[in-house]
C-alpha cells in the first residue's frame, strides 16, 4: 500500500472529527465555539454539570452521588443512604460527619438530587 492510500484510509476509517460547537450534556449550540470555549461552558455555564464540592472535578449533577461515593478523592468522607424520600430509587451521598438526624438527611438528599447550592 502506498502512502496516498494510507492517508486516505486514515481519513476514511479514523474517528470522526469532534464537534466543539455543541454541549453533549445540555444541547446548547454555538457555532463559534472552540474546544476551549466548550471546556469553559462545561466548567461555568452548563446547567447539567456541577463542580464536586470535595475535589472540584466537573461531574453530571445526576451522577454526583456516585462520584462522591465511588470516584472522589474524598470518598471516605461520604456514606451511602437510600432515597427514602424518593421511593427508595435514588442512591444518595451524605457527608458522614454531618449526619445526626433524619431532617439533615432529607436536606442533603434534596440538595444532592436537585444540585442546589453546590455550584
PDB file of N, CA and C in Angstrom:
ATOM      1  N   UNK A   1       0.863  -1.182   0.000  1.00  0.00           N
ATOM      2  CA  UNK A   1       0.000   0.000   0.000  1.00  0.00           C
ATOM      3  C   UNK A   1       0.903   1.236   0.000  1.00  0.00           C
ATOM      4  N   UNK A   2       0.595   2.192  -0.853  1.00  0.00           N
ATOM      5  CA  UNK A   2       1.419   3.393  -0.908  1.00  0.00           C
ATOM      6  C   UNK A   2       0.938   4.421   0.123  1.00  0.00           C
ATOM      7  N   UNK A   3       1.715   5.484   0.277  1.00  0.00           N
ATOM      8  CA  UNK A   3       1.404   6.473   1.317  1.00  0.00           C
ATOM      9  C   UNK A   3       0.106   7.221   1.046  1.00  0.00           C
ATOM     10  N   UNK A   4      -0.246   7.408  -0.239  1.00  0.00           N
ATOM     11  CA  UNK A   4      -1.517   8.076  -0.542  1.00  0.00           C
ATOM     12  C   UNK A   4      -2.701   7.222  -0.092  1.00  0.00           C
ATOM     13  N   UNK A   5      -2.624   5.921  -0.303  1.00  0.00           N
ATOM     14  CA  UNK A   5      -3.692   5.027   0.129  1.00  0.00           C
ATOM     15  C   UNK A   5      -3.800   5.019   1.656  1.00  0.00           C
ATOM     16  N   UNK A   6      -2.647   5.009   2.335  1.00  0.00           N
ATOM     17  CA  UNK A   6      -2.650   5.014   3.793  1.00  0.00           C
ATOM     18  C   UNK A   6      -3.288   6.296   4.321  1.00  0.00           C
ATOM     19  N   UNK A   7      -2.944   7.433   3.717  1.00  0.00           N
ATOM     20  CA  UNK A   7      -3.536   8.702   4.144  1.00  0.00           C
ATOM     21  C   UNK A   7      -5.045   8.683   3.945  1.00  0.00           C
ATOM     22  N   UNK A   8      -5.501   8.161   2.783  1.00  0.00           N
ATOM     23  CA  UNK A   8      -6.929   8.083   2.506  1.00  0.00           C
ATOM     24  C   UNK A   8      -7.614   7.172   3.521  1.00  0.00           C
ATOM     25  N   UNK A   9      -7.014   6.025   3.837  1.00  0.00           N
ATOM     26  CA  UNK A   9      -7.594   5.094   4.805  1.00  0.00           C
ATOM     27  C   UNK A   9      -7.662   5.714   6.192  1.00  0.00           C
ATOM     28  N   UNK A  10      -6.631   6.467   6.557  1.00  0.00           N
ATOM     29  CA  UNK A  10      -6.647   7.135   7.858  1.00  0.00           C
ATOM     30  C   UNK A  10      -7.790   8.138   7.935  1.00  0.00           C
ATOM     31  N   UNK A  11      -8.022   8.868   6.837  1.00  0.00           N
ATOM     32  CA  UNK A  11      -9.092   9.857   6.825  1.00  0.00           C
ATOM     33  C   UNK A  11     -10.450   9.192   6.823  1.00  0.00           C
ATOM     34  N   UNK A  12     -10.621   8.118   6.055  1.00  0.00           N
ATOM     35  CA  UNK A  12     -11.916   7.452   5.923  1.00  0.00           C
ATOM     36  C   UNK A  12     -12.245   6.598   7.141  1.00  0.00           C
ATOM     37  N   UNK A  13     -11.269   5.874   7.651  1.00  0.00           N
ATOM     38  CA  UNK A  13     -11.550   4.923   8.718  1.00  0.00           C
ATOM     39  C   UNK A  13     -11.276   5.451  10.115  1.00  0.00           C
ATOM     40  N   UNK A  14     -10.743   6.639  10.215  1.00  0.00           N
ATOM     41  CA  UNK A  14     -10.414   7.196  11.520  1.00  0.00           C
ATOM     42  C   UNK A  14     -11.637   7.687  12.255  1.00  0.00           C
ATOM     43  N   UNK A  15     -11.413   8.196  13.427  1.00  0.00           N
ATOM     44  CA  UNK A  15     -12.511   8.761  14.213  1.00  0.00           C
ATOM     45  C   UNK A  15     -13.046  10.004  13.525  1.00  0.00           C
ATOM     46  N   UNK A  16     -14.368  10.210  13.603  1.00  0.00           N
ATOM     47  CA  UNK A  16     -14.921  11.436  13.010  1.00  0.00           C
ATOM     48  C   UNK A  16     -14.404  12.660  13.762  1.00  0.00           C
ATOM     49  N   UNK A  17     -14.313  13.788  13.072  1.00  0.00           N
ATOM     50  CA  UNK A  17     -13.835  14.998  13.767  1.00  0.00           C
ATOM     51  C   UNK A  17     -14.781  15.368  14.907  1.00  0.00           C
ATOM     52  N   UNK A  18     -14.198  15.864  15.992  1.00  0.00           N
ATOM     53  CA  UNK A  18     -15.010  16.244  17.148  1.00  0.00           C
ATOM     54  C   UNK A  18     -15.728  17.553  16.885  1.00  0.00           C
ATOM     55  N   UNK A  19     -16.945  17.629  17.395  1.00  0.00           N
ATOM     56  CA  UNK A  19     -17.749  18.844  17.276  1.00  0.00           C
ATOM     57  C   UNK A  19     -17.646  19.606  18.595  1.00  0.00           C
ATOM     58  N   UNK A  20     -16.968  20.729  18.576  1.00  0.00           N
ATOM     59  CA  UNK A  20     -16.818  21.540  19.780  1.00  0.00           C
ATOM     60  C   UNK A  20     -17.867  22.644  19.847  1.00  0.00           C
ATOM     61  N   UNK A  21     -18.838  22.621  18.932  1.00  0.00           N
ATOM     62  CA  UNK A  21     -19.829  23.690  18.880  1.00  0.00           C
ATOM     63  C   UNK A  21     -21.113  23.361  19.636  1.00  0.00           C
ATOM     64  N   UNK A  22     -21.222  22.148  20.196  1.00  0.00           N
ATOM     65  CA  UNK A  22     -22.430  21.756  20.921  1.00  0.00           C
ATOM     66  C   UNK A  22     -22.068  21.049  22.221  1.00  0.00           C
ATOM     67  N   UNK A  23     -22.823  21.344  23.262  1.00  0.00           N
ATOM     68  CA  UNK A  23     -22.638  20.685  24.553  1.00  0.00           C
ATOM     69  C   UNK A  23     -23.381  19.348  24.522  1.00  0.00           C
ATOM     70  N   UNK A  24     -22.682  18.266  24.781  1.00  0.00           N
ATOM     71  CA  UNK A  24     -23.313  16.954  24.746  1.00  0.00           C
ATOM     72  C   UNK A  24     -24.205  16.703  25.958  1.00  0.00           C
ATOM     73  N   UNK A  25     -24.156  17.572  26.953  1.00  0.00           N
ATOM     74  CA  UNK A  25     -24.979  17.406  28.147  1.00  0.00           C
ATOM     75  C   UNK A  25     -26.294  18.175  28.050  1.00  0.00           C
ATOM     76  N   UNK A  26     -26.223  19.463  27.756  1.00  0.00           N
ATOM     77  CA  UNK A  26     -27.441  20.290  27.737  1.00  0.00           C
ATOM     78  C   UNK A  26     -27.934  20.596  26.324  1.00  0.00           C
ATOM     79  N   UNK A  27     -27.108  20.324  25.317  1.00  0.00           N
ATOM     80  CA  UNK A  27     -27.513  20.562  23.946  1.00  0.00           C
ATOM     81  C   UNK A  27     -27.309  21.978  23.447  1.00  0.00           C
ATOM     82  N   UNK A  28     -26.795  22.872  24.274  1.00  0.00           N
ATOM     83  CA  UNK A  28     -26.553  24.247  23.836  1.00  0.00           C
ATOM     84  C   UNK A  28     -25.578  24.235  22.673  1.00  0.00           C
ATOM     85  N   UNK A  29     -25.817  25.089  21.706  1.00  0.00           N
ATOM     86  CA  UNK A  29     -25.008  25.119  20.495  1.00  0.00           C
ATOM     87  C   UNK A  29     -24.540  26.543  20.215  1.00  0.00           C
ATOM     88  N   UNK A  30     -23.262  26.680  19.935  1.00  0.00           N
ATOM     89  CA  UNK A  30     -22.699  27.957  19.498  1.00  0.00           C
ATOM     90  C   UNK A  30     -21.704  27.650  18.380  1.00  0.00           C
ATOM     91  N   UNK A  31     -22.033  28.014  17.161  1.00  0.00           N
ATOM     92  CA  UNK A  31     -21.172  27.662  16.026  1.00  0.00           C
ATOM     93  C   UNK A  31     -19.768  28.276  16.089  1.00  0.00           C
ATOM     94  N   UNK A  32     -19.550  29.230  16.966  1.00  0.00           N
ATOM     95  CA  UNK A  32     -18.239  29.870  17.056  1.00  0.00           C
ATOM     96  C   UNK A  32     -17.359  29.270  18.150  1.00  0.00           C
ATOM     97  N   UNK A  33     -17.887  28.317  18.897  1.00  0.00           N
ATOM     98  CA  UNK A  33     -17.106  27.714  19.979  1.00  0.00           C
ATOM     99  C   UNK A  33     -15.886  26.969  19.454  1.00  0.00           C
ATOM    100  N   UNK A  34     -14.827  27.076  20.237  1.00  0.00           N
ATOM    101  CA  UNK A  34     -13.627  26.273  20.035  1.00  0.00           C
ATOM    102  C   UNK A  34     -13.617  25.220  21.146  1.00  0.00           C
ATOM    103  N   UNK A  35     -12.633  24.366  21.133  1.00  0.00           N
ATOM    104  CA  UNK A  35     -12.517  23.359  22.193  1.00  0.00           C
ATOM    105  C   UNK A  35     -12.420  24.038  23.558  1.00  0.00           C
ATOM    106  N   UNK A  36     -11.674  25.118  23.652  1.00  0.00           N
ATOM    107  CA  UNK A  36     -11.528  25.848  24.909  1.00  0.00           C
ATOM    108  C   UNK A  36     -12.859  26.453  25.356  1.00  0.00           C
ATOM    109  N   UNK A  37     -13.612  27.018  24.413  1.00  0.00           N
ATOM    110  CA  UNK A  37     -14.914  27.599  24.747  1.00  0.00           C
ATOM    111  C   UNK A  37     -15.861  26.543  25.308  1.00  0.00           C
ATOM    112  N   UNK A  38     -15.843  25.347  24.721  1.00  0.00           N
ATOM    113  CA  UNK A  38     -16.690  24.265  25.209  1.00  0.00           C
ATOM    114  C   UNK A  38     -16.281  23.857  26.619  1.00  0.00           C
ATOM    115  N   UNK A  39     -14.977  23.792  26.879  1.00  0.00           N
ATOM    116  CA  UNK A  39     -14.499  23.478  28.238  1.00  0.00           C
ATOM    117  C   UNK A  39     -14.966  24.519  29.246  1.00  0.00           C
ATOM    118  N   UNK A  40     -14.908  25.785  28.867  1.00  0.00           N
ATOM    119  CA  UNK A  40     -15.374  26.855  29.758  1.00  0.00           C
ATOM    120  C   UNK A  40     -16.870  26.706  30.012  1.00  0.00           C
ATOM    121  N   UNK A  41     -17.640  26.367  28.982  1.00  0.00           N
ATOM    122  CA  UNK A  41     -19.078  26.133  29.149  1.00  0.00           C
ATOM    123  C   UNK A  41     -19.311  25.010  30.159  1.00  0.00           C
ATOM    124  N   UNK A  42     -18.584  23.897  30.000  1.00  0.00           N
ATOM    125  CA  UNK A  42     -18.729  22.785  30.951  1.00  0.00           C
ATOM    126  C   UNK A  42     -18.435  23.265  32.377  1.00  0.00           C
ATOM    127  N   UNK A  43     -17.393  24.052  32.533  1.00  0.00           N
ATOM    128  CA  UNK A  43     -16.932  24.467  33.845  1.00  0.00           C
ATOM    129  C   UNK A  43     -17.828  25.515  34.487  1.00  0.00           C
ATOM    130  N   UNK A  44     -18.328  26.474  33.700  1.00  0.00           N
ATOM    131  CA  UNK A  44     -19.041  27.603  34.285  1.00  0.00           C
ATOM    132  C   UNK A  44     -20.543  27.638  34.026  1.00  0.00           C
ATOM    133  N   UNK A  45     -20.987  27.215  32.846  1.00  0.00           N
ATOM    134  CA  UNK A  45     -22.345  27.541  32.428  1.00  0.00           C
ATOM    135  C   UNK A  45     -23.309  26.382  32.232  1.00  0.00           C
ATOM    136  N   UNK A  46     -22.827  25.183  32.018  1.00  0.00           N
ATOM    137  CA  UNK A  46     -23.741  24.086  31.707  1.00  0.00           C
ATOM    138  C   UNK A  46     -24.637  23.790  32.911  1.00  0.00           C
ATOM    139  N   UNK A  47     -25.954  23.843  32.718  1.00  0.00           N
ATOM    140  CA  UNK A  47     -26.869  23.621  33.841  1.00  0.00           C
ATOM    141  C   UNK A  47     -26.960  22.162  34.288  1.00  0.00           C
ATOM    142  N   UNK A  48     -26.349  21.254  33.546  1.00  0.00           N
ATOM    143  CA  UNK A  48     -26.409  19.839  33.913  1.00  0.00           C
ATOM    144  C   UNK A  48     -25.119  19.323  34.528  1.00  0.00           C
ATOM    145  N   UNK A  49     -24.142  20.220  34.685  1.00  0.00           N
ATOM    146  CA  UNK A  49     -22.864  19.845  35.285  1.00  0.00           C
ATOM    147  C   UNK A  49     -22.639  20.640  36.557  1.00  0.00           C
ATOM    148  N   UNK A  50     -21.839  20.059  37.437  1.00  0.00           N
ATOM    149  CA  UNK A  50     -21.576  20.699  38.721  1.00  0.00           C
ATOM    150  C   UNK A  50     -20.138  20.406  39.136  1.00  0.00           C
ATOM    151  N   UNK A  51     -19.564  21.300  39.877  1.00  0.00           N
ATOM    152  CA  UNK A  51     -18.237  21.091  40.432  1.00  0.00           C
ATOM    153  C   UNK A  51     -18.376  20.326  41.742  1.00  0.00           C
ATOM    154  N   UNK A  52     -17.673  19.220  41.865  1.00  0.00           N
ATOM    155  CA  UNK A  52     -17.734  18.426  43.090  1.00  0.00           C
ATOM    156  C   UNK A  52     -17.319  19.302  44.277  1.00  0.00           C
ATOM    157  N   UNK A  53     -18.108  19.316  45.349  1.00  0.00           N
ATOM    158  CA  UNK A  53     -17.767  20.156  46.497  1.00  0.00           C
ATOM    159  C   UNK A  53     -16.515  19.691  47.243  1.00  0.00           C
ATOM    160  N   UNK A  54     -16.061  18.486  46.966  1.00  0.00           N
ATOM    161  CA  UNK A  54     -14.881  17.970  47.661  1.00  0.00           C
ATOM    162  C   UNK A  54     -13.601  18.032  46.840  1.00  0.00           C
ATOM    163  N   UNK A  55     -13.695  17.712  45.546  1.00  0.00           N
ATOM    164  CA  UNK A  55     -12.470  17.649  44.738  1.00  0.00           C
ATOM    165  C   UNK A  55     -12.468  18.602  43.554  1.00  0.00           C
ATOM    166  N   UNK A  56     -13.583  19.289  43.309  1.00  0.00           N
ATOM    167  CA  UNK A  56     -13.738  20.281  42.244  1.00  0.00           C
ATOM    168  C   UNK A  56     -13.799  19.688  40.838  1.00  0.00           C
ATOM    169  N   UNK A  57     -13.829  18.365  40.694  1.00  0.00           N
ATOM    170  CA  UNK A  57     -13.993  17.768  39.375  1.00  0.00           C
ATOM    171  C   UNK A  57     -15.385  18.108  38.859  1.00  0.00           C
ATOM    172  N   UNK A  58     -15.510  18.363  37.573  1.00  0.00           N
ATOM    173  CA  UNK A  58     -16.803  18.653  36.965  1.00  0.00           C
ATOM    174  C   UNK A  58     -17.492  17.324  36.652  1.00  0.00           C
ATOM    175  N   UNK A  59     -18.693  17.149  37.204  1.00  0.00           N
ATOM    176  CA  UNK A  59     -19.451  15.908  37.004  1.00  0.00           C
ATOM    177  C   UNK A  59     -20.896  16.247  36.668  1.00  0.00           C
ATOM    178  N   UNK A  60     -21.612  15.278  36.092  1.00  0.00           N
ATOM    179  CA  UNK A  60     -23.033  15.465  35.854  1.00  0.00           C
ATOM    180  C   UNK A  60     -23.748  15.520  37.199  1.00  0.00           C
ATOM    181  N   UNK A  61     -24.720  16.407  37.322  1.00  0.00           N
ATOM    182  CA  UNK A  61     -25.465  16.524  38.572  1.00  0.00           C
ATOM    183  C   UNK A  61     -26.090  15.182  38.943  1.00  0.00           C
ATOM    184  N   UNK A  62     -26.669  14.505  37.959  1.00  0.00           N
ATOM    185  CA  UNK A  62     -27.313  13.222  38.225  1.00  0.00           C
ATOM    186  C   UNK A  62     -26.324  12.173  38.725  1.00  0.00           C
ATOM    187  N   UNK A  63     -25.050  12.323  38.406  1.00  0.00           N
ATOM    188  CA  UNK A  63     -24.041  11.363  38.824  1.00  0.00           C
ATOM    189  C   UNK A  63     -23.239  11.788  40.037  1.00  0.00           C
ATOM    190  N   UNK A  64     -23.598  12.910  40.658  1.00  0.00           N
ATOM    191  CA  UNK A  64     -22.831  13.397  41.802  1.00  0.00           C
ATOM    192  C   UNK A  64     -22.792  12.400  42.962  1.00  0.00           C
ATOM    193  N   UNK A  65     -23.917  11.786  43.354  1.00  0.00           N
ATOM    194  CA  UNK A  65     -23.817  10.821  44.455  1.00  0.00           C
ATOM    195  C   UNK A  65     -22.843   9.677  44.159  1.00  0.00           C
ATOM    196  N   UNK A  66     -22.901   9.119  42.955  1.00  0.00           N
ATOM    197  CA  UNK A  66     -21.980   8.045  42.599  1.00  0.00           C
ATOM    198  C   UNK A  66     -20.538   8.531  42.608  1.00  0.00           C
ATOM    199  N   UNK A  67     -20.317   9.748  42.101  1.00  0.00           N
ATOM    200  CA  UNK A  67     -18.971  10.309  42.110  1.00  0.00           C
ATOM    201  C   UNK A  67     -18.457  10.424  43.545  1.00  0.00           C
ATOM    202  N   UNK A  68     -19.280  10.995  44.433  1.00  0.00           N
ATOM    203  CA  UNK A  68     -18.859  11.189  45.827  1.00  0.00           C
ATOM    204  C   UNK A  68     -18.577   9.866  46.524  1.00  0.00           C
ATOM    205  N   UNK A  69     -19.342   8.843  46.195  1.00  0.00           N
ATOM    206  CA  UNK A  69     -19.207   7.553  46.881  1.00  0.00           C
ATOM    207  C   UNK A  69     -18.144   6.648  46.268  1.00  0.00           C
ATOM    208  N   UNK A  70     -17.896   6.772  44.965  1.00  0.00           N
ATOM    209  CA  UNK A  70     -17.035   5.801  44.292  1.00  0.00           C
ATOM    210  C   UNK A  70     -15.757   6.366  43.686  1.00  0.00           C
ATOM    211  N   UNK A  71     -15.767   7.618  43.219  1.00  0.00           N
ATOM    212  CA  UNK A  71     -14.649   8.141  42.438  1.00  0.00           C
ATOM    213  C   UNK A  71     -13.877   9.269  43.107  1.00  0.00           C
ATOM    214  N   UNK A  72     -14.539  10.040  43.931  1.00  0.00           N
ATOM    215  CA  UNK A  72     -13.961  11.255  44.510  1.00  0.00           C
ATOM    216  C   UNK A  72     -12.753  10.939  45.388  1.00  0.00           C
ATOM    217  N   UNK A  73     -11.789  11.851  45.372  1.00  0.00           N
ATOM    218  CA  UNK A  73     -10.626  11.700  46.254  1.00  0.00           C
ATOM    219  C   UNK A  73     -11.039  11.681  47.717  1.00  0.00           C
ATOM    220  N   UNK A  74     -12.171  12.300  48.035  1.00  0.00           N
ATOM    221  CA  UNK A  74     -12.664  12.361  49.418  1.00  0.00           C
ATOM    222  C   UNK A  74     -13.796  11.362  49.670  1.00  0.00           C
ATOM    223  N   UNK A  75     -13.845  10.275  48.892  1.00  0.00           N
ATOM    224  CA  UNK A  75     -14.964   9.333  49.007  1.00  0.00           C
ATOM    225  C   UNK A  75     -15.093   8.722  50.399  1.00  0.00           C
ATOM    226  N   UNK A  76     -14.030   8.673  51.159  1.00  0.00           N
ATOM    227  CA  UNK A  76     -14.099   8.140  52.518  1.00  0.00           C
ATOM    228  C   UNK A  76     -14.872   9.063  53.458  1.00  0.00           C
ATOM    229  N   UNK A  77     -15.133  10.288  53.026  1.00  0.00           N
ATOM    230  CA  UNK A  77     -15.880  11.245  53.843  1.00  0.00           C
ATOM    231  C   UNK A  77     -17.379  11.173  53.615  1.00  0.00           C
ATOM    232  N   UNK A  78     -17.834  10.280  52.741  1.00  0.00           N
ATOM    233  CA  UNK A  78     -19.251  10.185  52.396  1.00  0.00           C
ATOM    234  C   UNK A  78     -19.788   8.790  52.686  1.00  0.00           C
ATOM    235  N   UNK A  79     -21.059   8.745  53.016  1.00  0.00           N
ATOM    236  CA  UNK A  79     -21.743   7.475  53.251  1.00  0.00           C
ATOM    237  C   UNK A  79     -22.943   7.396  52.324  1.00  0.00           C
ATOM    238  N   UNK A  80     -23.305   6.178  51.967  1.00  0.00           N
ATOM    239  CA  UNK A  80     -24.435   5.955  51.083  1.00  0.00           C
ATOM    240  C   UNK A  80     -25.706   5.831  51.901  1.00  0.00           C
ATOM    241  N   UNK A  81     -26.760   6.443  51.429  1.00  0.00           N
ATOM    242  CA  UNK A  81     -28.077   6.348  52.064  1.00  0.00           C
ATOM    243  C   UNK A  81     -29.098   6.107  50.970  1.00  0.00           C
ATOM    244  N   UNK A  82     -30.102   5.285  51.266  1.00  0.00           N
ATOM    245  CA  UNK A  82     -31.165   5.076  50.277  1.00  0.00           C
ATOM    246  C   UNK A  82     -32.048   6.306  50.260  1.00  0.00           C
ATOM    247  N   UNK A  83     -32.666   6.542  49.135  1.00  0.00           N
ATOM    248  CA  UNK A  83     -33.502   7.730  48.962  1.00  0.00           C
ATOM    249  C   UNK A  83     -34.927   7.485  49.416  1.00  0.00           C
ATOM    250  N   UNK A  84     -35.155   7.295  50.705  1.00  0.00           N
ATOM    251  CA  UNK A  84     -36.488   7.025  51.225  1.00  0.00           C
ATOM    252  C   UNK A  84     -37.479   8.116  50.832  1.00  0.00           C
ATOM    253  N   UNK A  85     -37.033   9.349  50.772  1.00  0.00           N
ATOM    254  CA  UNK A  85     -37.921  10.449  50.413  1.00  0.00           C
ATOM    255  C   UNK A  85     -38.366  10.369  48.960  1.00  0.00           C
ATOM    256  N   UNK A  86     -37.632   9.570  48.166  1.00  0.00           N
ATOM    257  CA  UNK A  86     -37.926   9.478  46.744  1.00  0.00           C
ATOM    258  C   UNK A  86     -38.310   8.045  46.360  1.00  0.00           C
ATOM    259  N   UNK A  87     -38.911   7.319  47.276  1.00  0.00           N
ATOM    260  CA  UNK A  87     -39.366   5.967  46.994  1.00  0.00           C
ATOM    261  C   UNK A  87     -38.260   4.929  46.959  1.00  0.00           C
ATOM    262  N   UNK A  88     -37.108   5.236  47.530  1.00  0.00           N
ATOM    263  CA  UNK A  88     -36.020   4.277  47.595  1.00  0.00           C
ATOM    264  C   UNK A  88     -35.301   4.058  46.273  1.00  0.00           C
ATOM    265  N   UNK A  89     -35.550   4.893  45.277  1.00  0.00           N
ATOM    266  CA  UNK A  89     -34.939   4.657  43.971  1.00  0.00           C
ATOM    267  C   UNK A  89     -33.659   5.456  43.758  1.00  0.00           C
ATOM    268  N   UNK A  90     -33.314   6.343  44.659  1.00  0.00           N
ATOM    269  CA  UNK A  90     -32.128   7.179  44.494  1.00  0.00           C
ATOM    270  C   UNK A  90     -31.015   6.698  45.415  1.00  0.00           C
ATOM    271  N   UNK A  91     -29.799   6.721  44.909  1.00  0.00           N
ATOM    272  CA  UNK A  91     -28.636   6.479  45.743  1.00  0.00           C
ATOM    273  C   UNK A  91     -28.115   7.846  46.138  1.00  0.00           C
ATOM    274  N   UNK A  92     -28.044   8.104  47.426  1.00  0.00           N
ATOM    275  CA  UNK A  92     -27.662   9.424  47.911  1.00  0.00           C
ATOM    276  C   UNK A  92     -26.319   9.365  48.607  1.00  0.00           C
ATOM    277  N   UNK A  93     -25.608  10.466  48.597  1.00  0.00           N
ATOM    278  CA  UNK A  93     -24.350  10.585  49.301  1.00  0.00           C
ATOM    279  C   UNK A  93     -24.482  11.709  50.309  1.00  0.00           C
ATOM    280  N   UNK A  94     -24.065  11.437  51.515  1.00  0.00           N
ATOM    281  CA  UNK A  94     -24.112  12.454  52.556  1.00  0.00           C
ATOM    282  C   UNK A  94     -22.782  12.459  53.288  1.00  0.00           C
ATOM    283  N   UNK A  95     -22.357  13.632  53.706  1.00  0.00           N
ATOM    284  CA  UNK A  95     -21.133  13.729  54.474  1.00  0.00           C
ATOM    285  C   UNK A  95     -21.280  12.960  55.776  1.00  0.00           C
ATOM    286  N   UNK A  96     -20.383  12.037  56.039  1.00  0.00           N
ATOM    287  CA  UNK A  96     -20.518  11.180  57.211  1.00  0.00           C
ATOM    288  C   UNK A  96     -20.439  11.964  58.514  1.00  0.00           C
ATOM    289  N   UNK A  97     -19.743  13.088  58.533  1.00  0.00           N
ATOM    290  CA  UNK A  97     -19.628  13.888  59.745  1.00  0.00           C
ATOM    291  C   UNK A  97     -20.863  14.751  59.989  1.00  0.00           C
ATOM    292  N   UNK A  98     -21.730  14.889  58.997  1.00  0.00           N
ATOM    293  CA  UNK A  98     -22.887  15.782  59.090  1.00  0.00           C
ATOM    294  C   UNK A  98     -24.128  15.069  59.597  1.00  0.00           C
ATOM    295  N   UNK A  99     -24.239  13.779  59.338  1.00  0.00           N
ATOM    296  CA  UNK A  99     -25.473  13.066  59.649  1.00  0.00           C
ATOM    297  C   UNK A  99     -25.676  12.891  61.143  1.00  0.00           C
ATOM    298  N   UNK A 100     -26.709  13.544  61.645  1.00  0.00           N
ATOM    299  CA  UNK A 100     -27.067  13.331  63.042  1.00  0.00           C
ATOM    300  C   UNK A 100     -28.565  13.254  63.211  1.00  0.00           C
ATOM    301  N   UNK A 101     -29.320  13.573  62.171  1.00  0.00           N
ATOM    302  CA  UNK A 101     -30.771  13.473  62.273  1.00  0.00           C
ATOM    303  C   UNK A 101     -31.368  13.209  60.903  1.00  0.00           C
ATOM    304  N   UNK A 102     -32.591  12.684  60.888  1.00  0.00           N
ATOM    305  CA  UNK A 102     -33.238  12.417  59.606  1.00  0.00           C
ATOM    306  C   UNK A 102     -33.558  13.713  58.875  1.00  0.00           C
ATOM    307  N   UNK A 103     -33.754  14.811  59.590  1.00  0.00           N
ATOM    308  CA  UNK A 103     -34.026  16.092  58.939  1.00  0.00           C
ATOM    309  C   UNK A 103     -32.817  16.536  58.125  1.00  0.00           C
ATOM    310  N   UNK A 104     -31.611  16.363  58.673  1.00  0.00           N
ATOM    311  CA  UNK A 104     -30.413  16.727  57.931  1.00  0.00           C
ATOM    312  C   UNK A 104     -30.267  15.844  56.707  1.00  0.00           C
ATOM    313  N   UNK A 105     -30.606  14.555  56.832  1.00  0.00           N
ATOM    314  CA  UNK A 105     -30.523  13.657  55.699  1.00  0.00           C
ATOM    315  C   UNK A 105     -31.481  14.094  54.601  1.00  0.00           C
ATOM    316  N   UNK A 106     -32.686  14.518  54.961  1.00  0.00           N
ATOM    317  CA  UNK A 106     -33.647  14.966  53.964  1.00  0.00           C
ATOM    318  C   UNK A 106     -33.122  16.193  53.220  1.00  0.00           C
ATOM    319  N   UNK A 107     -32.532  17.126  53.937  1.00  0.00           N
ATOM    320  CA  UNK A 107     -31.971  18.321  53.300  1.00  0.00           C
ATOM    321  C   UNK A 107     -30.846  17.925  52.360  1.00  0.00           C
ATOM    322  N   UNK A 108     -29.952  17.051  52.824  1.00  0.00           N
ATOM    323  CA  UNK A 108     -28.847  16.628  51.985  1.00  0.00           C
ATOM    324  C   UNK A 108     -29.337  15.876  50.756  1.00  0.00           C
ATOM    325  N   UNK A 109     -30.348  15.036  50.906  1.00  0.00           N
ATOM    326  CA  UNK A 109     -30.843  14.286  49.759  1.00  0.00           C
ATOM    327  C   UNK A 109     -31.477  15.217  48.738  1.00  0.00           C
ATOM    328  N   UNK A 110     -32.184  16.220  49.200  1.00  0.00           N
ATOM    329  CA  UNK A 110     -32.791  17.169  48.276  1.00  0.00           C
ATOM    330  C   UNK A 110     -31.720  17.940  47.531  1.00  0.00           C
ATOM    331  N   UNK A 111     -30.680  18.383  48.235  1.00  0.00           N
ATOM    332  CA  UNK A 111     -29.592  19.104  47.596  1.00  0.00           C
ATOM    333  C   UNK A 111     -28.861  18.199  46.612  1.00  0.00           C
ATOM    334  N   UNK A 112     -28.615  16.934  46.991  1.00  0.00           N
ATOM    335  CA  UNK A 112     -27.887  16.026  46.112  1.00  0.00           C
ATOM    336  C   UNK A 112     -28.669  15.757  44.837  1.00  0.00           C
ATOM    337  N   UNK A 113     -29.961  15.544  44.957  1.00  0.00           N
ATOM    338  CA  UNK A 113     -30.764  15.218  43.789  1.00  0.00           C
ATOM    339  C   UNK A 113     -30.980  16.437  42.901  1.00  0.00           C
ATOM    340  N   UNK A 114     -31.241  17.571  43.484  1.00  0.00           N
ATOM    341  CA  UNK A 114     -31.534  18.773  42.709  1.00  0.00           C
ATOM    342  C   UNK A 114     -30.298  19.563  42.326  1.00  0.00           C
ATOM    343  N   UNK A 115     -29.175  19.290  43.008  1.00  0.00           N
ATOM    344  CA  UNK A 115     -27.953  20.003  42.708  1.00  0.00           C
ATOM    345  C   UNK A 115     -27.940  21.415  43.246  1.00  0.00           C
ATOM    346  N   UNK A 116     -28.844  21.733  44.128  1.00  0.00           N
ATOM    347  CA  UNK A 116     -28.931  23.092  44.631  1.00  0.00           C
ATOM    348  C   UNK A 116     -27.821  23.458  45.582  1.00  0.00           C
ATOM    349  N   UNK A 117     -27.328  24.646  45.437  1.00  0.00           N
ATOM    350  CA  UNK A 117     -26.382  25.218  46.378  1.00  0.00           C
ATOM    351  C   UNK A 117     -24.984  24.633  46.338  1.00  0.00           C
ATOM    352  N   UNK A 118     -24.664  23.806  45.366  1.00  0.00           N
ATOM    353  CA  UNK A 118     -23.356  23.189  45.359  1.00  0.00           C
ATOM    354  C   UNK A 118     -22.397  23.826  44.373  1.00  0.00           C
ATOM    355  N   UNK A 119     -22.883  24.656  43.484  1.00  0.00           N
ATOM    356  CA  UNK A 119     -22.003  25.250  42.481  1.00  0.00           C
ATOM    357  C   UNK A 119     -21.475  26.563  42.945  1.00  0.00           C
TER     358      UNK A 119
END
